[in-house]
């Protein structure tokens, strides 16, 4: 295959441009959920589909509606569904105020899309209190699902849409698994938020960036050429 410098420059630019952009809206004045997002969600999911994976998901994860061999699952909420989720959190917060703690509710109040991404651990060989067995096979499954997440982020960046990979916060709780129809055997790898392009300039929201983007150091700080001759 011939080299394609233009394609490399395009990919290089998107990777370098990708950054954390948290759009935080008021819980009492969420952004309007008036975008038609089905096509965008489909396009981003198709990018995630091409992430590399070395091992298939264990057959125990392939007995339900979502039966692919890929070791990840993605649950998609469009803007209107995000606002419905926000209202549910507000309702639950009447009994448990922690549902509205932190940034997650404000992110849900602003998001055009929320991808709840899980990875599929191999069944444990023995009873244990740990979330999953820390073996090589599971490590490879996590790496594959992480690649799918990166594809989502890069696709959103290519569309000039603010995006953020959150660890999950309240969205890790069992009640959310039940509410969104996520199997309890799955493990959330991240909550991927995609926001409207115009949200960067809205006066009604707060925009927060990542703390580590400019602190990764130079190549020499984390890579080393190996000389064997």
Protein backbone atom coordinates (compact mmCIF):
# COMPACT_ATOMS: atom_id res chain seq x y z
CA UNK A 1 0.00 0.00 0.00
CA UNK A 2 1.36 3.40 -0.96
CA UNK A 3 1.98 5.92 1.77
CA UNK A 4 -0.56 8.72 2.01
CA UNK A 5 0.98 11.78 3.67
CA UNK A 6 -2.28 13.74 3.51
CA UNK A 7 -4.15 11.02 5.38
CA UNK A 8 -1.41 10.87 8.02
CA UNK A 9 -1.54 14.64 8.48
CA UNK A 10 -5.31 14.50 8.90
CA UNK A 11 -5.16 11.76 11.53
CA UNK A 12 -2.22 13.45 13.25
CA UNK A 13 -4.13 16.73 13.46
CA UNK A 14 -7.25 15.14 14.93
CA UNK A 15 -5.28 13.19 17.54
CA UNK A 16 -3.39 16.30 18.65
CA UNK A 17 -6.55 18.40 18.65
CA UNK A 18 -8.51 16.00 20.85
CA UNK A 19 -8.79 17.31 24.38
CA UNK A 20 -11.02 17.19 27.43
CA UNK A 21 -13.84 19.72 27.27
CA UNK A 22 -16.41 19.39 30.05
CA UNK A 23 -19.55 21.40 29.34
CA UNK A 24 -21.42 21.93 32.60
CA UNK A 25 -24.99 23.23 32.48
CA UNK A 26 -27.27 24.27 35.30
CA UNK A 27 -29.46 21.47 36.62
CA UNK A 28 -32.36 23.93 36.63
CA UNK A 29 -31.69 25.18 33.08
CA UNK A 30 -30.34 22.28 30.99
CA UNK A 31 -29.51 22.86 27.33
CA UNK A 32 -32.31 22.31 24.85
CA UNK A 33 -32.48 18.79 23.48
CA UNK A 34 -33.46 19.79 19.97
CA UNK A 35 -30.71 18.29 17.78
CA UNK A 36 -31.33 15.33 15.45
CA UNK A 37 -28.59 13.02 16.71
CA UNK A 38 -29.37 9.56 15.40
CA UNK A 39 -27.07 9.92 12.38
CA UNK A 40 -24.19 11.33 14.47
CA UNK A 41 -24.53 8.56 17.06
CA UNK A 42 -24.50 5.95 14.30
CA UNK A 43 -21.38 7.45 12.69
CA UNK A 44 -19.48 7.46 15.98
CA UNK A 45 -20.54 3.92 16.82
CA UNK A 46 -19.31 2.76 13.42
CA UNK A 47 -15.88 4.17 14.28
CA UNK A 48 -15.90 2.37 17.63
CA UNK A 49 -16.72 -0.85 15.77
CA UNK A 50 -13.31 -0.80 14.06
CA UNK A 51 -11.28 -0.80 17.28
CA UNK A 52 -8.78 -3.69 17.41
CA UNK A 53 -9.45 -6.62 19.73
CA UNK A 54 -7.22 -9.61 20.34
CA UNK A 55 -9.66 -11.85 22.18
CA UNK A 56 -13.42 -12.30 21.71
CA UNK A 57 -15.85 -11.70 24.51
CA UNK A 58 -16.51 -14.80 26.62
CA UNK A 59 -19.51 -16.75 25.37
CA UNK A 60 -21.38 -15.98 28.60
CA UNK A 61 -21.65 -12.37 27.42
CA UNK A 62 -23.04 -13.41 24.04
CA UNK A 63 -26.31 -14.98 25.12
CA UNK A 64 -28.38 -11.79 25.29
CA UNK A 65 -29.67 -9.22 22.79
CA UNK A 66 -26.17 -7.75 22.42
CA UNK A 67 -24.32 -10.86 21.26
CA UNK A 68 -21.26 -9.60 19.35
CA UNK A 69 -17.83 -11.11 19.90
CA UNK A 70 -16.35 -7.63 20.55
CA UNK A 71 -15.41 -7.28 24.24
CA UNK A 72 -17.32 -4.03 24.77
CA UNK A 73 -20.91 -2.84 24.86
CA UNK A 74 -22.11 0.73 24.33
CA UNK A 75 -25.41 2.14 25.60
CA UNK A 76 -26.41 5.34 23.81
CA UNK A 77 -28.46 8.20 25.23
CA UNK A 78 -29.36 11.09 22.96
CA UNK A 79 -29.97 14.57 24.36
CA UNK A 80 -33.64 14.03 25.20
CA UNK A 81 -32.74 10.81 27.01
CA UNK A 82 -29.96 12.59 28.91
CA UNK A 83 -32.49 15.15 30.13
CA UNK A 84 -34.84 12.35 31.16
CA UNK A 85 -31.97 10.75 33.07
CA UNK A 86 -31.31 14.09 34.77
CA UNK A 87 -34.91 14.31 35.91
CA UNK A 88 -34.65 10.77 37.26
CA UNK A 89 -31.52 11.68 39.23
CA UNK A 90 -33.34 14.70 40.65
CA UNK A 91 -36.21 12.47 41.71
CA UNK A 92 -33.89 9.93 43.34
CA UNK A 93 -32.00 12.76 45.07
CA UNK A 94 -35.05 13.49 47.19
CA UNK A 95 -34.20 10.33 49.13
CA UNK A 96 -30.45 10.31 48.43
CA UNK A 97 -28.89 13.75 47.76
CA UNK A 98 -25.65 12.11 46.57
CA UNK A 99 -27.31 11.48 43.20
CA UNK A 100 -26.68 15.15 42.42
CA UNK A 101 -23.12 15.33 43.75
CA UNK A 102 -20.17 16.17 41.53
CA UNK A 103 -20.06 17.06 37.84
CA UNK A 104 -21.99 14.15 36.29
CA UNK A 105 -25.48 15.72 36.62
CA UNK A 106 -24.25 19.00 35.09
CA UNK A 107 -22.63 17.08 32.22
CA UNK A 108 -25.90 15.22 31.61
CA UNK A 109 -27.68 18.58 31.58
CA UNK A 110 -25.49 19.70 28.65
CA UNK A 111 -24.76 16.55 26.64
CA UNK A 112 -26.03 15.91 23.14
CA UNK A 113 -24.90 12.30 23.44
CA UNK A 114 -23.86 10.02 26.27
CA UNK A 115 -22.17 6.72 25.45
CA UNK A 116 -22.08 4.45 28.49
CA UNK A 117 -19.22 2.11 27.56
CA UNK A 118 -18.68 -1.21 29.32
CA UNK A 119 -16.14 -3.97 28.88
CA UNK A 120 -16.83 -7.66 29.33
CA UNK A 121 -14.59 -9.44 31.86
CA UNK A 122 -14.03 -13.17 31.70
CA UNK A 123 -15.97 -15.05 34.39
CA UNK A 124 -13.93 -15.46 37.56
CA UNK A 125 -12.37 -18.88 38.09
CA UNK A 126 -12.98 -18.63 41.83
CA UNK A 127 -15.07 -16.55 44.19
CA UNK A 128 -13.45 -13.22 44.98
CA UNK A 129 -14.33 -9.77 46.31
CA UNK A 130 -12.39 -8.08 43.51
CA UNK A 131 -14.25 -6.58 40.55
CA UNK A 132 -12.41 -8.82 38.07
CA UNK A 133 -9.37 -11.07 37.87
CA UNK A 134 -6.24 -9.12 37.01
CA UNK A 135 -4.93 -11.50 34.38
CA UNK A 136 -3.54 -11.01 30.87
CA UNK A 137 -6.77 -11.94 29.12
CA UNK A 138 -8.78 -9.31 30.99
CA UNK A 139 -6.03 -6.77 30.39
CA UNK A 140 -6.40 -7.33 26.65
CA UNK A 141 -10.18 -6.97 26.87
CA UNK A 142 -9.84 -3.64 28.66
CA UNK A 143 -7.31 -2.44 26.10
CA UNK A 144 -9.69 -3.29 23.26
CA UNK A 145 -12.62 -1.45 24.85
CA UNK A 146 -10.33 1.53 25.48
CA UNK A 147 -9.51 1.60 21.78
CA UNK A 148 -13.23 1.76 21.01
CA UNK A 149 -13.55 4.73 23.36
CA UNK A 150 -10.65 6.53 21.68
CA UNK A 151 -12.32 6.03 18.31
CA UNK A 152 -15.47 7.69 19.68
CA UNK A 153 -13.47 10.63 21.02
CA UNK A 154 -11.52 11.12 17.81
CA UNK A 155 -14.69 10.97 15.74
CA UNK A 156 -16.33 13.64 17.90
CA UNK A 157 -13.19 15.78 17.65
CA UNK A 158 -13.19 15.43 13.86
CA UNK A 159 -16.75 16.79 13.95
CA UNK A 160 -15.52 19.73 16.10
CA UNK A 161 -17.70 18.61 19.00
CA UNK A 162 -16.55 19.05 22.61
CA UNK A 163 -16.16 15.67 24.29
CA UNK A 164 -15.12 14.14 27.59
CA UNK A 165 -14.25 10.67 28.90
CA UNK A 166 -15.61 10.55 32.46
CA UNK A 167 -14.97 7.69 34.86
CA UNK A 168 -18.69 7.42 35.59
CA UNK A 169 -19.38 8.78 39.05
CA UNK A 170 -23.01 8.13 39.95
CA UNK A 171 -23.44 6.27 36.65
CA UNK A 172 -21.50 3.35 38.16
CA UNK A 173 -24.21 2.64 40.70
CA UNK A 174 -26.34 -0.54 40.37
CA UNK A 175 -29.54 1.49 40.07
CA UNK A 176 -28.20 3.00 36.83
CA UNK A 177 -27.33 -0.44 35.47
CA UNK A 178 -30.95 -1.48 36.04
CA UNK A 179 -32.33 1.78 34.67
CA UNK A 180 -30.30 1.59 31.45
CA UNK A 181 -30.60 -2.16 30.99
CA UNK A 182 -26.90 -2.95 31.51
CA UNK A 183 -26.05 -6.48 32.61
CA UNK A 184 -24.52 -6.65 36.08
CA UNK A 185 -21.66 -8.79 34.68
CA UNK A 186 -20.41 -5.85 32.62
CA UNK A 187 -17.98 -3.25 33.96
CA UNK A 188 -18.24 0.43 33.05
CA UNK A 189 -15.07 1.66 31.40
CA UNK A 190 -16.29 5.21 30.98
CA UNK A 191 -19.11 7.60 30.33
CA UNK A 192 -18.37 9.41 27.07
CA UNK A 193 -20.05 12.79 26.75
CA UNK A 194 -20.42 14.64 23.44
CA UNK A 195 -21.67 18.22 23.56
CA UNK A 196 -23.10 20.66 20.99
CA UNK A 197 -20.48 22.59 19.03
CA UNK A 198 -22.03 25.94 20.02
CA UNK A 199 -21.90 25.09 23.73
CA UNK A 200 -18.28 26.35 23.90
CA UNK A 201 -19.51 29.92 23.58
CA UNK A 202 -22.72 29.83 25.57
CA UNK A 203 -22.79 32.13 28.56
CA UNK A 204 -25.13 29.81 30.44
CA UNK A 205 -22.61 26.96 30.79
CA UNK A 206 -19.19 26.42 32.30
CA UNK A 207 -16.40 24.93 30.17
CA UNK A 208 -13.70 23.01 32.04
CA UNK A 209 -10.61 21.49 30.45
CA UNK A 210 -8.36 18.63 31.53
CA UNK A 211 -5.66 19.20 34.12
CA UNK A 212 -2.96 16.95 32.59
CA UNK A 213 -2.96 17.82 28.88
CA UNK A 214 0.11 20.09 29.07
CA UNK A 215 1.97 18.05 31.69
CA UNK A 216 2.71 14.87 29.73
CA UNK A 217 6.35 15.88 29.13
CA UNK A 218 8.48 15.40 26.04
CA UNK A 219 8.99 12.16 24.16
CA UNK A 220 12.31 11.62 25.92
CA UNK A 221 10.49 11.61 29.25
CA UNK A 222 8.51 8.46 28.45
CA UNK A 223 10.18 6.75 25.49
CA UNK A 224 13.64 5.32 24.88
CA UNK A 225 15.30 3.91 21.77
CA UNK A 226 16.58 0.38 22.27
CA UNK A 227 19.95 -0.25 20.61
CA UNK A 228 20.72 -3.91 19.99
CA UNK A 229 23.53 -3.52 17.47
